[in-house]
Amino acid sequence: MIHRHRYNIRAEYERLDDWSEFLILTNVVIPDDLFVIICARKSSNSYQSDFDKLPQQLSRYFADNNITVVYPTQFGPEDNLNLEELEAEEVMSDVEK
């Protein structure tokens, strides 16, 4: 029999407006953290050439972390999503179910 349990999971996010701030996260992310990165696809408007460095930076500076990189589908201007409006509670509500 499987029982449903509620887990206390702490979730935080850091928004980076400047890619040069990426390495600042080495002081924030600790080895047992799950490090989730949402990045633009190479074919999208929000892609930056600095994103090409992501695999090397992750393997060099975050080798001890569990890492998930998400490349979401992006839609046209009328369907833009604002990450600032997305709260951790909304994301974590599905984890607790």
C-alpha atoms as a PDB file:
ATOM      1  CA  MET A   1       0.000   0.000   0.000  1.00  0.00           C
ATOM      2  CA  ILE A   2       1.339   3.389  -0.913  1.00  0.00           C
ATOM      3  CA  HIS A   3       0.732   6.257   1.501  1.00  0.00           C
ATOM      4  CA  ARG A   4       0.791   9.895   0.579  1.00  0.00           C
ATOM      5  CA  HIS A   5       3.168  11.971   2.659  1.00  0.00           C
ATOM      6  CA  ARG A   6       3.685  15.678   2.812  1.00  0.00           C
ATOM      7  CA  TYR A   7       7.289  16.723   2.699  1.00  0.00           C
ATOM      8  CA  ASN A   8       8.729  20.014   3.807  1.00  0.00           C
ATOM      9  CA  ILE A   9      10.738  21.081   0.795  1.00  0.00           C
ATOM     10  CA  ARG A  10      12.502  24.408   0.800  1.00  0.00           C
ATOM     11  CA  ALA A  11      12.580  26.050  -2.613  1.00  0.00           C
ATOM     12  CA  GLU A  12      14.338  29.238  -3.613  1.00  0.00           C
ATOM     13  CA  TYR A  13      15.064  30.848  -6.927  1.00  0.00           C
ATOM     14  CA  GLU A  14      17.542  33.432  -8.096  1.00  0.00           C
ATOM     15  CA  ARG A  15      16.844  35.432 -11.201  1.00  0.00           C
ATOM     16  CA  LEU A  16      19.906  36.469 -13.175  1.00  0.00           C
ATOM     17  CA  ASP A  17      19.467  39.453 -15.438  1.00  0.00           C
ATOM     18  CA  ASP A  18      23.122  39.452 -16.418  1.00  0.00           C
ATOM     19  CA  TRP A  19      24.814  36.218 -17.454  1.00  0.00           C
ATOM     20  CA  SER A  20      28.092  37.426 -15.912  1.00  0.00           C
ATOM     21  CA  GLU A  21      26.434  36.925 -12.501  1.00  0.00           C
ATOM     22  CA  PHE A  22      26.157  33.164 -13.049  1.00  0.00           C
ATOM     23  CA  LEU A  23      29.272  32.284 -11.055  1.00  0.00           C
ATOM     24  CA  ILE A  24      27.893  34.165  -8.032  1.00  0.00           C
ATOM     25  CA  LEU A  25      25.652  31.126  -7.619  1.00  0.00           C
ATOM     26  CA  THR A  26      28.687  29.103  -6.518  1.00  0.00           C
ATOM     27  CA  ASN A  27      28.287  30.883  -3.166  1.00  0.00           C
ATOM     28  CA  VAL A  28      24.566  30.104  -2.977  1.00  0.00           C
ATOM     29  CA  VAL A  29      24.195  26.521  -4.230  1.00  0.00           C
ATOM     30  CA  ILE A  30      25.439  23.874  -1.792  1.00  0.00           C
ATOM     31  CA  PRO A  31      26.397  20.279  -2.705  1.00  0.00           C
ATOM     32  CA  ASP A  32      23.124  18.603  -1.713  1.00  0.00           C
ATOM     33  CA  ASP A  33      20.942  21.125  -3.586  1.00  0.00           C
ATOM     34  CA  LEU A  34      19.020  20.289  -6.715  1.00  0.00           C
ATOM     35  CA  PHE A  35      20.116  23.033  -9.078  1.00  0.00           C
ATOM     36  CA  VAL A  36      17.463  23.721 -11.729  1.00  0.00           C
ATOM     37  CA  ILE A  37      18.310  26.068 -14.581  1.00  0.00           C
ATOM     38  CA  ILE A  38      15.767  27.378 -17.048  1.00  0.00           C
ATOM     39  CA  CYS A  39      17.569  28.348 -20.212  1.00  0.00           C
ATOM     40  CA  ALA A  40      16.561  29.512 -23.668  1.00  0.00           C
ATOM     41  CA  ARG A  41      16.851  27.254 -26.684  1.00  0.00           C
ATOM     42  CA  LYS A  42      19.417  28.171 -29.301  1.00  0.00           C
ATOM     43  CA  SER A  43      16.686  28.907 -31.834  1.00  0.00           C
ATOM     44  CA  SER A  44      14.762  31.300 -29.562  1.00  0.00           C
ATOM     45  CA  ASN A  45      14.806  35.087 -29.377  1.00  0.00           C
ATOM     46  CA  SER A  46      15.982  35.095 -25.757  1.00  0.00           C
ATOM     47  CA  TYR A  47      19.031  32.921 -26.474  1.00  0.00           C
ATOM     48  CA  GLN A  48      22.416  34.504 -25.749  1.00  0.00           C
ATOM     49  CA  SER A  49      25.730  33.204 -27.065  1.00  0.00           C
ATOM     50  CA  ASP A  50      27.002  33.041 -23.460  1.00  0.00           C
ATOM     51  CA  PHE A  51      24.635  30.100 -22.931  1.00  0.00           C
ATOM     52  CA  ASP A  52      27.084  28.008 -24.985  1.00  0.00           C
ATOM     53  CA  LYS A  53      29.379  28.062 -21.933  1.00  0.00           C
ATOM     54  CA  LEU A  54      26.755  26.485 -19.673  1.00  0.00           C
ATOM     55  CA  PRO A  55      27.897  22.827 -19.955  1.00  0.00           C
ATOM     56  CA  GLN A  56      31.509  23.707 -19.142  1.00  0.00           C
ATOM     57  CA  GLN A  57      30.546  25.983 -16.255  1.00  0.00           C
ATOM     58  CA  LEU A  58      28.215  23.387 -14.770  1.00  0.00           C
ATOM     59  CA  SER A  59      30.807  20.629 -14.917  1.00  0.00           C
ATOM     60  CA  ARG A  60      33.531  22.864 -13.506  1.00  0.00           C
ATOM     61  CA  TYR A  61      31.702  24.729 -10.727  1.00  0.00           C
ATOM     62  CA  PHE A  62      28.705  22.532  -9.902  1.00  0.00           C
ATOM     63  CA  ALA A  63      30.074  19.007 -10.309  1.00  0.00           C
ATOM     64  CA  ASP A  64      28.845  17.987  -6.833  1.00  0.00           C
ATOM     65  CA  ASN A  65      25.255  19.085  -7.447  1.00  0.00           C
ATOM     66  CA  ASN A  66      22.239  17.395  -8.922  1.00  0.00           C
ATOM     67  CA  ILE A  67      21.462  19.510 -11.973  1.00  0.00           C
ATOM     68  CA  THR A  68      18.427  19.823 -14.201  1.00  0.00           C
ATOM     69  CA  VAL A  69      18.479  22.128 -17.198  1.00  0.00           C
ATOM     70  CA  VAL A  70      15.075  22.957 -18.666  1.00  0.00           C
ATOM     71  CA  TYR A  71      14.721  24.311 -22.186  1.00  0.00           C
ATOM     72  CA  PRO A  72      11.042  25.284 -22.363  1.00  0.00           C
ATOM     73  CA  THR A  73       9.156  25.856 -25.556  1.00  0.00           C
ATOM     74  CA  GLN A  74       8.776  29.561 -26.160  1.00  0.00           C
ATOM     75  CA  PHE A  75       5.731  31.095 -27.732  1.00  0.00           C
ATOM     76  CA  GLY A  76       5.042  34.326 -29.539  1.00  0.00           C
ATOM     77  CA  PRO A  77       4.816  37.750 -27.857  1.00  0.00           C
ATOM     78  CA  GLU A  78       1.150  37.315 -26.939  1.00  0.00           C
ATOM     79  CA  ASP A  79       1.962  34.225 -24.867  1.00  0.00           C
ATOM     80  CA  ASN A  80       4.937  35.560 -22.877  1.00  0.00           C
ATOM     81  CA  LEU A  81       5.290  34.186 -19.381  1.00  0.00           C
ATOM     82  CA  ASN A  82       6.636  36.278 -16.525  1.00  0.00           C
ATOM     83  CA  LEU A  83       8.742  34.274 -14.060  1.00  0.00           C
ATOM     84  CA  GLU A  84       8.363  36.979 -11.438  1.00  0.00           C
ATOM     85  CA  GLU A  85       4.659  36.195 -11.279  1.00  0.00           C
ATOM     86  CA  LEU A  86       5.359  32.515 -10.684  1.00  0.00           C
ATOM     87  CA  GLU A  87       5.715  31.837  -6.985  1.00  0.00           C
ATOM     88  CA  ALA A  88       7.561  28.913  -5.436  1.00  0.00           C
ATOM     89  CA  GLU A  89       4.341  27.874  -3.665  1.00  0.00           C
ATOM     90  CA  GLU A  90       2.651  27.235  -7.004  1.00  0.00           C
ATOM     91  CA  VAL A  91       5.553  25.128  -8.230  1.00  0.00           C
ATOM     92  CA  MET A  92       5.900  23.197  -4.996  1.00  0.00           C
ATOM     93  CA  SER A  93       2.171  22.476  -4.642  1.00  0.00           C
ATOM     94  CA  ASP A  94       2.515  19.703  -7.220  1.00  0.00           C
ATOM     95  CA  VAL A  95       5.546  18.254  -5.429  1.00  0.00           C
ATOM     96  CA  GLU A  96       3.570  17.915  -2.214  1.00  0.00           C
ATOM     97  CA  LYS A  97       0.729  16.001  -3.904  1.00  0.00           C
END
